[in-house]
Protein backbone atom coordinates (compact mmCIF):
# COMPACT_ATOMS: atom_id res chain seq x y z
CA MET A 1 -15.86 5.25 -10.62
CA LYS A 2 -16.57 2.46 -8.13
CA VAL A 3 -14.37 -0.59 -8.72
CA LEU A 4 -14.91 -3.97 -7.03
CA VAL A 5 -11.57 -5.75 -6.55
CA PHE A 6 -11.10 -9.50 -6.04
CA ASN A 7 -8.00 -11.24 -4.70
CA ALA A 8 -8.82 -14.95 -4.70
CA GLY A 9 -6.89 -17.87 -3.26
CA SER A 10 -7.62 -21.56 -2.87
CA SER A 11 -8.71 -21.09 0.76
CA SER A 12 -9.55 -17.39 0.92
CA LEU A 13 -11.13 -14.45 -0.87
CA LYS A 14 -10.32 -10.80 -0.20
CA LEU A 15 -12.41 -8.06 -1.75
CA GLY A 16 -12.73 -4.31 -1.61
CA VAL A 17 -14.67 -1.53 -3.27
CA PHE A 18 -12.93 1.71 -4.19
CA ASP A 19 -14.64 4.95 -5.18
CA ASP A 20 -11.73 6.55 -7.02
CA GLU A 21 -8.92 6.41 -4.39
CA ARG A 22 -11.25 6.05 -1.38
CA GLN A 23 -11.97 2.53 -0.08
CA VAL A 24 -15.66 2.29 0.78
CA PHE A 25 -15.91 -1.44 1.54
CA LYS A 26 -13.60 -4.21 2.70
CA ALA A 27 -14.28 -7.88 3.39
CA GLY A 28 -12.56 -11.24 3.47
CA PHE A 29 -13.53 -14.90 3.49
CA ASP A 30 -10.85 -17.06 5.07
CA ARG A 31 -10.15 -20.74 5.79
CA PHE A 32 -12.85 -22.39 3.69
CA GLY A 33 -13.88 -25.76 5.09
CA PRO A 34 -16.81 -28.18 5.27
CA ASP A 35 -18.29 -26.24 8.22
CA GLY A 36 -17.99 -22.80 6.59
CA CYS A 37 -15.39 -20.04 6.81
CA ASP A 38 -14.36 -16.93 8.73
CA LEU A 39 -15.91 -13.77 7.29
CA THR A 40 -14.50 -10.36 8.16
CA VAL A 41 -16.54 -7.29 7.21
CA ALA A 42 -15.39 -3.81 8.21
CA GLY A 43 -13.14 -5.33 10.87
CA ALA A 44 -15.84 -7.53 12.45
CA LEU A 45 -15.20 -11.29 12.38
CA ARG A 46 -17.95 -13.91 12.28
CA ARG A 47 -18.53 -17.44 11.03
CA ALA A 48 -20.20 -17.77 7.64
CA PRO A 49 -21.71 -20.75 5.84
CA GLN A 50 -19.63 -20.45 2.66
CA THR A 51 -17.50 -23.56 2.22
CA ASP A 52 -15.52 -22.71 -0.92
CA LEU A 53 -14.59 -19.92 -3.35
CA ARG A 54 -17.65 -20.47 -5.55
CA ALA A 55 -20.02 -20.04 -2.62
CA ALA A 56 -18.13 -16.99 -1.35
CA ILE A 57 -18.28 -15.14 -4.66
CA ALA A 58 -21.95 -16.03 -5.05
CA ALA A 59 -22.55 -14.35 -1.69
CA VAL A 60 -20.85 -11.07 -2.65
CA PRO A 61 -23.85 -9.30 -4.31
CA ALA A 62 -25.99 -9.80 -1.20
CA LEU A 63 -23.10 -8.79 1.04
CA LEU A 64 -22.63 -5.54 -0.90
CA SER A 65 -26.36 -4.85 -0.77
CA ASP A 66 -26.50 -5.46 2.99
CA GLN A 67 -23.68 -2.94 3.47
CA GLY A 68 -25.35 -0.35 1.24
CA VAL A 69 -22.71 -0.53 -1.49
CA ALA A 70 -24.21 0.15 -4.92
CA GLY A 71 -23.16 1.55 -8.29
CA ILE A 72 -20.27 -0.83 -9.06
CA ALA A 73 -18.92 0.25 -12.47
CA ALA A 74 -16.12 -2.29 -13.02
CA VAL A 75 -14.49 -5.38 -11.52
CA GLY A 76 -10.73 -5.82 -11.09
CA HIS A 77 -9.00 -9.15 -10.50
CA ARG A 78 -5.54 -9.92 -9.15
CA LEU A 79 -3.75 -12.57 -11.26
CA ALA A 80 -0.44 -13.92 -10.03
CA HIS A 81 1.12 -14.72 -13.38
CA GLY A 82 0.78 -13.05 -16.76
CA GLY A 83 3.81 -14.61 -18.43
CA THR A 84 5.54 -12.36 -20.95
CA GLY A 85 2.40 -11.53 -22.93
CA PHE A 86 0.51 -9.38 -20.42
CA THR A 87 2.60 -6.21 -20.15
CA GLY A 88 -0.11 -4.36 -18.23
CA PRO A 89 -3.75 -4.64 -17.18
CA ALA A 90 -5.99 -6.43 -19.66
CA ARG A 91 -9.72 -6.08 -20.24
CA ILE A 92 -11.12 -9.58 -19.79
CA ASP A 93 -12.86 -11.40 -22.61
CA ASP A 94 -12.97 -15.05 -23.66
CA ALA A 95 -9.61 -14.77 -25.44
CA VAL A 96 -7.91 -13.27 -22.37
CA VAL A 97 -9.38 -16.01 -20.15
CA ALA A 98 -7.94 -18.63 -22.51
CA ARG A 99 -4.51 -16.95 -22.45
CA ILE A 100 -4.50 -16.86 -18.64
CA ASP A 101 -5.58 -20.51 -18.49
CA ALA A 102 -2.64 -21.46 -20.72
CA LEU A 103 -0.28 -19.93 -18.14
CA THR A 104 -1.38 -22.31 -15.36
CA PRO A 105 1.86 -24.36 -15.53
CA LEU A 106 3.78 -21.23 -14.53
CA ALA A 107 1.65 -20.63 -11.40
CA PRO A 108 -0.16 -23.88 -10.54
CA LEU A 109 -0.71 -22.85 -6.91
CA HIS A 110 -2.15 -19.40 -7.62
CA ASN A 111 -3.63 -18.82 -11.08
CA PRO A 112 -6.33 -21.57 -10.98
CA ALA A 113 -8.22 -20.07 -8.02
CA MET A 114 -7.81 -16.56 -9.36
CA LEU A 115 -9.08 -17.64 -12.77
CA GLN A 116 -12.02 -19.39 -11.14
CA ALA A 117 -12.91 -16.07 -9.51
CA VAL A 118 -12.74 -14.37 -12.91
CA ARG A 119 -15.16 -16.86 -14.44
CA LEU A 120 -17.60 -16.68 -11.54
CA ALA A 121 -17.53 -12.87 -11.48
CA ARG A 122 -18.18 -12.69 -15.22
CA ASP A 123 -21.26 -14.84 -14.70
CA LEU A 124 -22.49 -12.62 -11.85
CA TRP A 125 -21.76 -9.28 -13.53
CA PRO A 126 -21.89 -10.01 -17.28
CA ASP A 127 -22.53 -6.37 -18.23
CA LEU A 128 -19.65 -4.83 -16.26
CA PRO A 129 -16.16 -4.38 -17.68
CA GLN A 130 -13.73 -6.69 -15.88
CA VAL A 131 -9.97 -6.22 -15.83
CA ALA A 132 -7.08 -8.54 -14.96
CA VAL A 133 -4.07 -7.01 -13.19
CA PHE A 134 -0.98 -9.22 -13.09
CA ASP A 135 1.68 -9.48 -10.36
CA THR A 136 4.32 -10.13 -13.01
CA SER A 137 3.61 -7.24 -15.41
CA PHE A 138 5.57 -4.62 -13.48
CA HIS A 139 8.71 -6.75 -13.74
CA LEU A 140 8.64 -7.21 -17.51
CA THR A 141 10.93 -4.19 -17.78
CA ASN A 142 13.68 -6.29 -16.16
CA PRO A 143 16.57 -6.60 -18.63
CA ALA A 144 17.67 -9.98 -19.92
CA ARG A 145 20.64 -10.02 -17.56
CA ALA A 146 18.17 -10.06 -14.65
CA THR A 147 15.73 -12.58 -16.09
CA THR A 148 17.97 -15.15 -17.80
CA TYR A 149 19.05 -18.37 -16.12
CA ALA A 150 22.36 -19.83 -17.34
CA VAL A 151 20.78 -23.15 -18.34
CA PRO A 152 20.51 -25.14 -21.60
CA ALA A 153 18.81 -23.39 -24.51
CA ALA A 154 16.03 -25.99 -24.68
CA TRP A 155 15.05 -25.18 -21.10
CA ARG A 156 14.99 -21.47 -21.82
CA ALA A 157 12.98 -22.08 -24.97
CA ALA A 158 10.43 -23.98 -22.89
CA GLY A 159 9.88 -20.85 -20.78
CA LEU A 160 12.38 -21.17 -17.92
CA ARG A 161 13.25 -17.60 -16.90
CA ARG A 162 12.88 -15.23 -13.98
CA PHE A 163 9.61 -13.30 -13.73
CA GLY A 164 9.27 -11.74 -10.26
CA PHE A 165 6.07 -11.31 -8.25
CA HIS A 166 4.43 -8.83 -5.84
CA GLY A 167 4.59 -6.40 -8.76
CA THR A 168 1.35 -4.64 -7.84
CA SER A 169 2.66 -4.00 -4.32
CA HIS A 170 6.09 -2.85 -5.48
CA LYS A 171 4.59 -0.48 -8.01
CA TYR A 172 2.21 1.00 -5.46
CA VAL A 173 4.82 1.61 -2.76
CA ALA A 174 7.27 3.10 -5.29
CA GLU A 175 4.60 5.57 -6.41
CA ARG A 176 3.66 6.27 -2.78
CA ALA A 177 7.30 6.86 -1.83
CA ALA A 178 7.78 9.28 -4.72
CA GLU A 179 4.64 11.12 -3.64
CA ALA A 180 5.95 11.34 -0.06
CA LEU A 181 9.28 12.71 -1.31
CA GLY A 182 7.58 15.21 -3.60
CA ARG A 183 9.44 13.99 -6.67
CA PRO A 184 8.41 12.11 -9.83
CA VAL A 185 9.02 8.38 -9.56
CA SER A 186 10.81 8.68 -12.92
CA GLU A 187 13.64 10.56 -11.14
CA LEU A 188 14.21 8.13 -8.27
CA ARG A 189 16.11 4.91 -7.57
CA ILE A 190 14.01 3.01 -5.04
CA ILE A 191 14.36 -0.39 -3.37
CA SER A 192 11.00 -1.76 -2.29
CA MET A 193 11.18 -4.32 0.53
CA HIS A 194 7.88 -6.25 0.69
CA LEU A 195 8.36 -8.25 3.89
CA GLY A 196 5.48 -10.45 4.97
CA ASN A 197 4.66 -14.15 4.99
CA GLY A 198 5.70 -13.88 1.35
CA ALA A 199 8.68 -11.57 0.89
CA SER A 200 10.51 -9.99 -2.01
CA ALA A 201 12.78 -7.08 -2.85
CA CYS A 202 12.51 -5.01 -6.01
CA ALA A 203 14.88 -2.49 -7.60
CA VAL A 204 12.76 0.32 -9.11
CA GLN A 205 14.97 2.52 -11.25
CA TYR A 206 13.35 5.70 -12.53
CA GLY A 207 9.86 4.22 -12.31
CA ARG A 208 10.67 0.81 -13.79
CA SER A 209 11.42 -2.51 -12.14
CA ILE A 210 14.89 -3.63 -13.20
CA ASP A 211 15.25 -6.64 -10.89
CA SER A 212 13.22 -8.61 -8.35
CA SER A 213 14.30 -11.23 -5.85
CA MET A 214 11.60 -13.75 -6.80
CA GLY A 215 12.32 -15.77 -9.92
CA MET A 216 10.33 -18.14 -12.08
CA THR A 217 8.33 -18.99 -8.95
CA PRO A 218 7.71 -17.19 -5.65
CA LEU A 219 10.27 -19.50 -4.00
CA GLU A 220 13.42 -17.68 -5.05
CA GLY A 221 14.97 -14.80 -3.16
CA LEU A 222 14.36 -13.70 0.42
CA MET A 223 13.61 -16.04 3.29
CA MET A 224 9.86 -16.07 4.03
CA GLY A 225 7.32 -17.36 6.52
CA THR A 226 7.12 -20.91 5.17
CA ARG A 227 9.18 -20.62 1.95
CA SER A 228 12.91 -21.20 1.76
CA GLY A 229 14.03 -18.38 -0.50
CA ASP A 230 17.35 -18.98 -2.28
CA VAL A 231 18.51 -22.59 -2.15
CA ASP A 232 21.09 -24.49 -4.20
CA PRO A 233 19.30 -26.35 -7.05
CA GLY A 234 21.72 -29.20 -6.34
CA ALA A 235 19.71 -29.81 -3.18
CA PHE A 236 17.09 -31.63 -5.27
CA GLY A 237 19.54 -34.31 -6.33
CA PHE A 238 21.09 -34.54 -2.89
CA LEU A 239 17.72 -35.00 -1.16
CA GLN A 240 16.63 -37.60 -3.68
CA ARG A 241 19.83 -39.62 -3.20
CA GLU A 242 20.19 -39.25 0.58
CA LEU A 243 16.57 -39.19 1.79
CA GLY A 244 14.73 -40.80 -1.11
CA LEU A 245 12.50 -37.74 -1.61
CA GLU A 246 10.76 -37.14 -4.91
CA ILE A 247 10.51 -33.73 -6.58
CA PRO A 248 6.87 -33.06 -5.54
CA GLN A 249 7.78 -33.77 -1.89
CA ILE A 250 10.79 -31.45 -2.00
CA GLU A 251 8.85 -28.72 -3.75
CA ALA A 252 5.98 -28.93 -1.26
CA ALA A 253 8.41 -28.69 1.68
CA LEU A 254 10.17 -25.67 0.19
CA TYR A 255 6.81 -23.89 -0.13
CA ALA A 256 5.11 -24.89 3.13
CA GLU A 257 7.66 -26.24 5.63
CA SER A 258 10.66 -23.94 5.24
CA GLY A 259 11.62 -20.34 6.07
CA LEU A 260 10.83 -19.09 9.56
CA MET A 261 8.69 -22.17 10.18
CA ALA A 262 11.61 -24.51 9.57
CA LEU A 263 14.16 -22.54 11.57
CA ALA A 264 12.08 -21.26 14.47
CA GLY A 265 8.93 -23.37 14.53
CA SER A 266 6.63 -20.46 13.67
CA ALA A 267 5.88 -18.53 10.48
CA ASP A 268 4.79 -15.44 12.47
CA MET A 269 7.65 -12.95 12.92
CA ARG A 270 5.97 -11.49 16.02
CA ASP A 271 6.11 -14.87 17.72
CA VAL A 272 9.67 -15.46 16.56
CA GLU A 273 10.83 -12.06 17.89
CA ASP A 274 9.17 -12.76 21.26
CA ARG A 275 10.92 -16.13 21.48
CA ALA A 276 14.25 -14.57 20.52
CA ALA A 277 13.90 -11.93 23.23
CA ALA A 278 13.27 -14.74 25.73
CA GLY A 279 16.54 -16.41 24.76
CA ASP A 280 15.42 -18.98 22.18
CA ALA A 281 18.59 -19.65 20.14
CA ALA A 282 16.69 -21.05 17.14
CA ALA A 283 14.51 -17.94 16.93
CA GLN A 284 17.58 -15.72 17.25
CA GLY A 285 19.26 -17.55 14.39
CA ALA A 286 16.16 -17.29 12.21
CA ILE A 287 15.94 -13.52 12.71
CA THR A 288 19.63 -13.08 11.96
CA LEU A 289 19.31 -15.07 8.74
CA TYR A 290 16.14 -13.21 7.67
CA ALA A 291 17.78 -9.81 8.12
CA TYR A 292 21.04 -10.89 6.47
CA ARG A 293 19.26 -12.12 3.34
CA ALA A 294 17.27 -8.88 3.07
CA ARG A 295 20.34 -6.67 3.63
CA LYS A 296 22.30 -8.61 1.03
CA TYR A 297 19.63 -8.00 -1.63
CA LEU A 298 19.32 -4.34 -0.64
CA GLY A 299 23.03 -3.80 -1.14
CA ALA A 300 23.04 -5.71 -4.41
CA TYR A 301 20.20 -3.64 -5.83
CA ALA A 302 21.84 -0.38 -4.81
CA ALA A 303 24.87 -1.54 -6.81
CA ALA A 304 22.70 -2.64 -9.75
CA MET A 305 21.12 0.82 -9.97
CA GLY A 306 24.39 2.69 -9.48
CA GLY A 307 23.04 4.45 -6.40
CA LEU A 308 20.03 4.72 -4.14
CA ASP A 309 17.55 7.46 -3.28
CA ALA A 310 15.03 5.62 -1.09
CA VAL A 311 14.27 2.32 0.64
CA VAL A 312 10.61 1.52 1.29
CA PHE A 313 9.51 -1.06 3.85
CA THR A 314 6.06 -2.60 3.45
CA GLY A 315 4.19 -5.83 4.19
CA GLY A 316 3.31 -7.14 7.63
CA ILE A 317 6.93 -7.37 8.83
CA GLY A 318 8.20 -4.33 6.95
CA GLU A 319 5.40 -2.18 8.37
CA ASN A 320 5.35 -3.46 11.95
CA SER A 321 8.79 -4.71 12.99
CA ALA A 322 11.04 -1.83 14.04
CA THR A 323 13.74 -4.29 15.09
CA MET A 324 13.78 -5.98 11.68
CA ARG A 325 14.02 -2.63 9.88
CA ARG A 326 16.92 -1.74 12.17
CA ARG A 327 18.70 -5.05 11.60
CA ILE A 328 18.40 -4.72 7.83
CA CYS A 329 19.61 -1.11 7.74
CA ASP A 330 22.46 -1.48 10.24
CA GLY A 331 25.81 -1.44 8.48
CA LEU A 332 24.54 0.44 5.40
CA GLY A 333 26.20 3.72 6.38
CA PHE A 334 28.59 3.26 3.44
CA LEU A 335 25.54 3.88 1.20
CA GLY A 336 24.74 7.06 3.12
CA LEU A 337 21.79 5.36 4.86
CA THR A 338 21.13 5.89 8.56
CA LEU A 339 17.99 5.45 10.67
CA ASP A 340 16.52 7.72 13.32
CA GLU A 341 15.90 5.40 16.27
CA ASP A 342 12.86 7.29 17.57
CA LEU A 343 11.20 7.63 14.16
CA ASN A 344 11.86 3.97 13.38
CA ARG A 345 10.36 2.78 16.65
CA ALA A 346 6.78 3.96 16.04
CA PRO A 347 5.98 5.30 12.55
CA ASP A 348 2.38 6.49 12.15
CA LEU A 349 0.88 4.59 9.20
CA SER A 350 -2.71 5.77 9.57
CA ASP A 351 -4.59 7.04 6.50
CA GLN A 352 -2.08 5.49 4.07
CA ALA A 353 0.71 7.67 5.46
CA ALA A 354 4.30 7.15 4.30
CA PRO A 355 6.52 8.52 7.10
CA GLN A 356 10.25 8.94 6.62
CA ILE A 357 12.42 7.39 9.34
CA GLN A 358 15.97 8.16 8.16
CA GLY A 359 18.40 9.91 10.46
CA PRO A 360 19.64 13.50 10.08
CA GLY A 361 22.09 13.79 7.20
CA SER A 362 21.11 10.44 5.66
CA ARG A 363 21.55 10.61 1.89
CA VAL A 364 18.97 7.84 1.45
CA ALA A 365 15.34 8.27 2.46
CA VAL A 366 13.86 5.37 4.45
CA ILE A 367 10.08 5.15 4.23
CA VAL A 368 7.51 2.88 5.86
CA THR A 369 4.06 2.53 4.33
CA GLU A 370 1.25 0.04 4.16
CA THR A 371 1.01 -1.81 0.89
CA ALA A 372 -2.32 -1.43 -0.86
CA GLU A 373 -2.51 -3.99 -3.63
CA GLN A 374 -6.28 -3.76 -3.94
CA ARG A 375 -6.11 0.03 -4.15
CA MET A 376 -3.44 -0.29 -6.86
CA ILE A 377 -5.57 -2.79 -8.79
CA ALA A 378 -8.52 -0.37 -8.68
CA ARG A 379 -6.19 2.41 -9.87
CA GLU A 380 -4.98 0.26 -12.77
CA VAL A 381 -8.58 -0.57 -13.71
CA ARG A 382 -9.50 3.12 -13.83
CA ARG A 383 -6.40 3.95 -15.87
CA LEU A 384 -7.14 1.25 -18.41
CA LEU A 385 -10.86 2.00 -18.79
CA GLY A 386 -10.29 5.75 -18.79
CA ARG A 387 -7.94 5.75 -21.75
CA PRO A 388 -9.27 6.41 -25.24
CA PRO A 389 -9.02 3.34 -27.47
CA ALA A 390 -5.85 3.06 -29.50
CA VAL A 391 -6.54 3.62 -33.20
CA PRO A 392 -4.40 1.54 -35.61
CA ARG A 393 -2.09 3.85 -37.50
CA PRO A 394 1.25 3.33 -39.26
CA ILE A 395 4.25 4.71 -37.38
CA PRO A 396 7.51 5.19 -39.31
CA VAL A 397 10.55 3.47 -37.79
CA ALA A 398 13.86 5.29 -37.46
CA VAL A 399 16.97 3.23 -36.72
CA SER A 400 19.21 5.26 -34.44
CA GLY A 401 22.91 4.63 -34.95
CA ARG A 402 25.56 5.54 -32.40
CA HIS A 403 25.69 9.29 -31.82
CA VAL A 404 26.55 12.05 -29.37
CA HIS A 405 24.58 15.05 -28.14
CA LEU A 406 27.06 17.74 -27.05
CA SER A 407 26.84 20.64 -24.64
CA ALA A 408 28.40 24.01 -25.50
CA PRO A 409 31.39 23.50 -23.12
CA ALA A 410 31.98 20.07 -24.67
CA VAL A 411 32.11 21.55 -28.19
CA GLU A 412 34.80 24.00 -27.11
CA ALA A 413 36.81 21.31 -25.31
CA LEU A 414 36.76 19.04 -28.34
CA PHE A 415 36.98 21.53 -31.22
CA GLY A 416 38.46 24.67 -29.70
CA PRO A 417 37.29 27.95 -28.11
CA GLY A 418 34.43 29.64 -29.94
CA TYR A 419 33.89 26.70 -32.29
CA ARG A 420 30.38 26.18 -33.70
CA LEU A 421 29.22 22.88 -35.19
CA THR A 422 28.33 22.79 -38.86
CA PRO A 423 24.76 21.59 -39.46
CA GLY A 424 24.63 18.91 -42.11
CA THR A 425 21.87 16.43 -42.98
CA PRO A 426 18.50 17.42 -41.45
CA LEU A 427 16.60 14.79 -39.45
CA ARG A 428 12.88 14.13 -39.49
CA GLN A 429 12.38 15.88 -36.16
CA PRO A 430 12.09 19.62 -36.85
CA GLY A 431 15.21 21.56 -35.88
CA ASN A 432 17.36 18.43 -35.51
CA TRP A 433 20.33 17.68 -37.73
CA VAL A 434 23.51 15.64 -38.12
CA ALA A 435 26.65 17.76 -37.85
CA GLN A 436 29.35 17.48 -40.48
CA GLU A 437 31.94 16.93 -37.73
CA ARG A 438 32.72 13.52 -36.24
CA LEU A 439 34.20 12.29 -32.96
CA VAL A 440 36.05 9.27 -31.59
CA LEU A 441 34.78 7.38 -28.52
CA GLU A 442 37.39 5.53 -26.47
CA GLY A 443 36.68 2.97 -23.76
CA PRO A 444 38.84 0.56 -21.79
CA LYS A 445 38.65 -2.08 -24.53
CA GLY A 446 38.53 -0.21 -27.82
CA ARG A 447 37.48 2.74 -29.95
CA LEU A 448 34.54 3.75 -32.09
CA GLU A 449 35.63 5.96 -34.96
CA ARG A 450 33.68 8.69 -36.77
CA VAL A 451 30.77 8.88 -34.34
CA ALA A 452 28.01 11.22 -35.47
CA ILE A 453 27.13 14.38 -33.56
CA LEU A 454 23.46 15.40 -33.47
CA GLY A 455 22.28 18.97 -33.04
CA PRO A 456 21.11 21.22 -31.59
CA LEU A 457 23.28 21.48 -28.49
CA ARG A 458 22.01 20.20 -25.16
CA ALA A 459 22.56 21.24 -21.57
CA ARG A 460 24.41 17.97 -20.88
CA THR A 461 26.53 15.78 -23.11
CA GLN A 462 24.88 12.43 -23.83
CA ILE A 463 26.26 9.46 -25.75
CA GLU A 464 23.89 6.86 -27.21
CA VAL A 465 25.26 3.54 -28.46
CA SER A 466 23.98 0.04 -29.13
CA ARG A 467 24.59 -2.91 -26.85
CA THR A 468 27.17 -4.25 -29.32
CA ASP A 469 28.95 -0.88 -29.29
CA SER A 470 29.15 -0.98 -25.49
CA PHE A 471 30.93 -4.34 -25.66
CA ALA A 472 33.32 -2.94 -28.28
CA LEU A 473 34.14 -0.09 -25.89
CA GLY A 474 34.40 -2.42 -22.90
CA VAL A 475 31.74 -0.76 -20.73
CA ASP A 476 28.29 -1.75 -19.47
CA ALA A 477 25.95 0.85 -20.96
CA PRO A 478 22.57 0.71 -19.20
CA LEU A 479 19.26 0.76 -21.03
CA ARG A 480 17.81 4.15 -20.13
CA ASP A 481 15.35 6.76 -21.32
CA SER A 482 17.05 9.63 -23.08
CA GLY A 483 18.40 12.11 -20.54
CA ALA A 484 18.62 9.62 -17.63
CA LEU A 485 22.39 9.74 -17.34
CA ASP A 486 23.13 9.49 -13.61
CA GLY A 487 25.42 6.60 -12.72
CA THR A 488 26.29 5.73 -16.32
CA PRO A 489 29.79 4.72 -17.47
CA CYS A 490 32.68 7.04 -18.24
CA VAL A 491 34.19 7.00 -21.73
CA ARG A 492 36.49 9.45 -23.48
CA LEU A 493 35.39 11.71 -26.33
CA ILE A 494 38.25 12.68 -28.63
CA GLY A 495 38.06 15.63 -31.02
CA PRO A 496 40.58 17.47 -33.18
CA ALA A 497 41.39 20.02 -30.45
CA GLY A 498 41.23 17.94 -27.30
CA HIS A 499 39.38 15.32 -25.31
CA LEU A 500 37.06 15.03 -22.33
CA ASP A 501 35.66 12.28 -20.17
CA SER A 502 31.87 11.99 -20.13
CA ASP A 503 29.63 10.12 -17.71
CA GLY A 504 26.63 10.06 -20.04
CA LEU A 505 26.70 6.77 -21.99
CA ILE A 506 23.45 4.86 -22.46
CA VAL A 507 21.65 2.43 -24.70
CA ALA A 508 18.51 4.43 -25.43
CA ALA A 509 15.28 2.62 -24.63
CA ARG A 510 12.95 2.24 -27.61
CA HIS A 511 10.53 5.14 -27.77
CA ILE A 512 7.96 6.91 -29.93
CA HIS A 513 8.18 10.62 -30.54
CA THR A 514 4.80 12.14 -31.32
CA ASN A 515 2.87 15.39 -31.10
CA PRO A 516 -0.31 16.14 -29.12
CA GLU A 517 -2.56 15.93 -32.20
CA ASP A 518 -1.30 12.50 -33.30
CA ALA A 519 -1.28 11.28 -29.69
CA ARG A 520 -4.96 12.14 -29.29
CA ALA A 521 -5.82 10.44 -32.57
CA MET A 522 -4.04 7.25 -31.47
CA GLY A 523 -5.38 7.33 -27.91
CA LEU A 524 -1.92 7.83 -26.40
CA GLN A 525 -0.57 9.98 -23.61
CA ASP A 526 2.88 11.11 -22.60
CA GLY A 527 4.66 8.52 -20.47
CA ALA A 528 2.46 5.61 -21.58
CA LEU A 529 3.97 2.28 -22.56
CA VAL A 530 2.66 0.63 -25.72
CA GLN A 531 3.05 -2.51 -27.79
CA LEU A 532 4.01 -2.15 -31.44
CA ARG A 533 4.00 -4.64 -34.26
CA LEU A 534 6.78 -4.10 -36.80
CA ALA A 535 6.36 -5.38 -40.35
CA ASP A 536 8.92 -5.33 -43.14
CA GLY A 537 6.53 -6.06 -45.98
CA SER A 538 6.88 -9.85 -45.64
CA ALA A 539 4.60 -12.24 -43.81
CA ARG A 540 6.62 -12.04 -40.62
CA SER A 541 6.30 -9.40 -37.91
CA LEU A 542 7.90 -8.57 -34.58
CA ILE A 543 6.15 -7.37 -31.44
CA LEU A 544 7.98 -4.74 -29.38
CA ASP A 545 6.75 -4.53 -25.79
CA ARG A 546 6.85 -1.52 -23.46
CA VAL A 547 7.68 1.21 -25.96
CA LEU A 548 7.74 4.59 -24.21
CA VAL A 549 5.58 7.39 -25.65
CA ARG A 550 7.03 10.90 -25.56
CA VAL A 551 4.62 13.67 -26.55
CA ALA A 552 5.88 17.18 -27.42
CA PRO A 553 4.52 19.97 -29.62
CA GLY A 554 6.05 20.20 -33.08
CA THR A 555 7.32 16.62 -33.03
CA VAL A 556 7.03 14.29 -36.01
CA THR A 557 5.61 10.87 -35.11
CA GLU A 558 8.17 8.07 -35.42
CA LEU A 559 9.57 5.11 -33.51
CA HIS A 560 13.27 5.12 -32.54
CA ILE A 561 15.11 1.82 -32.08
CA ASP A 562 18.82 1.15 -32.02
CA THR A 563 20.86 -0.77 -34.58
CA ASP A 564 20.97 -4.00 -32.56
CA GLU A 565 17.16 -4.14 -32.40
CA ALA A 566 16.92 -3.31 -36.08
CA ASN A 567 19.37 -6.09 -36.97
CA ALA A 568 17.55 -8.57 -34.75
CA ALA A 569 14.29 -7.67 -36.46
CA GLY A 570 15.85 -7.93 -39.92
CA ILE A 571 14.86 -4.35 -40.72
CA VAL A 572 16.29 -3.15 -43.99
CA GLY A 573 15.08 0.10 -45.51
CA ALA A 574 11.75 1.74 -44.72
CA THR A 575 9.62 0.01 -42.12
CA GLU A 576 6.44 0.89 -40.28
CA GLY A 577 4.97 -0.13 -36.94
CA ALA A 578 1.37 -0.44 -35.85
CA LEU A 579 -0.04 -0.11 -32.35
CA VAL A 580 -1.10 -3.38 -30.74
CA GLY A 581 -2.14 -2.07 -27.33
CA THR A 582 -1.31 0.37 -24.57
CA ALA A 583 -0.07 -0.20 -21.07
CA GLN A 584 -0.16 2.04 -18.03
CA PRO A 585 1.65 5.39 -17.77
CA VAL A 586 5.04 5.15 -16.09
CA ASP A 587 4.63 8.29 -13.98
């Protein structure tokens, strides 16, 4: 499938055509002005008469024809902001355009030009499917602790929260790093460092973004070419009182007159590094600050994920500056991360390579690769259009109370040598049951009595609790897919014959169990993320985003949520869910 991809800005337009994973065409219009623009096609630069985005997009059909590019089957568009409603790529229709337009206040500098490109492309190719891919969607898996600002409730109700950006880039490089390491992305803890004129860090835990350095806007986080990164919000009041500046003036300066530009007089890291090498103290200070900010986020995200398997450098600076990679990684030996000086100096990035540059014995892989946002957009378009349509179908809801899955050694430690659990109440899933025995869980703050044990036995002991339960125990149980236990808290299990300490305590992420037959009927696939609408028989309903689909033979179809979610939804008794839409697979 050939996909035409647009990335539109107020003064530029980048486009590419991808035939499956292979890029067959690349072009860019840059610096629109009254006398035309710069047009780059296949690496050749020339002046072109197009003066604005409308004229540039109108010229695309002829440009494709001149280059012998035919057979476009779909159009993909980069959109900076999808709010909380767009959890994945969306096929564009009038309703989707209206929803994107309503999000303009969240991205006033980016979404308008991108939405203009959508409208113009729909006029030019009315018969082709067109898909919006959002920078923010990848970060909607961030937990509330990563997205919530500690501000008045009215502000939060108005939409003030952290979103994160560069999601398409972070998702691509995480998948590329996993491919380079020969492991599923769902098994890895990756920090993606997108370092360019715009810069951000992202913690990708087992295939999902759990935190990103950018916040409600692309200003927060790392220092950038012309953007400040983190700054005290109190600066707004200070600058108004001391310099008489108004909010629009301050905001404009933080976007366009800060970062490397403010500290070193240039937004180009190559220029700044050259000046620093020549003894320019301002440039030296700017480089030191840039690296310090990035290293600080890298360390914080390693802590947030409870460990680290790989760091990926991408973006113009991340790909090309060996000295910046070195500065950021220096001092991270306590994480088990070391660089190989020779490999770091000149990594070969040709043909979308992802070379590893860590030193011998490094416990953390360090990878450099070119970001490929357009390629990722084309991939997302193919994934969306290639999926069968979801068929509405009721899905029973099971509320999962606190419980423990035990291993055979754990049973003997808790109940005595040779002990076998007594199967009690059968569960809906064939072969699963609630044991008649009960356990006590003990944490640093308190105990949970008479905790259910579910059978059959597993290879590893796993404890599943609600968020409220974790506070009662006094531990921070992470939201994880079942079985993802690495780096989770230690609590004590107490049985009649003894006790043991377990490191497998999680809040289980909401998920659907289903079988291959039902999955085909509903247009689902293993690892996909879906939206579900829950209804309790009344007029109200609740939308659950990013529900993981797990497909296995012999499984009964049902949704599992924990008691906190059930209480928040007001679920009492039997409840059913209905599919709203599907998102992309997670691996």
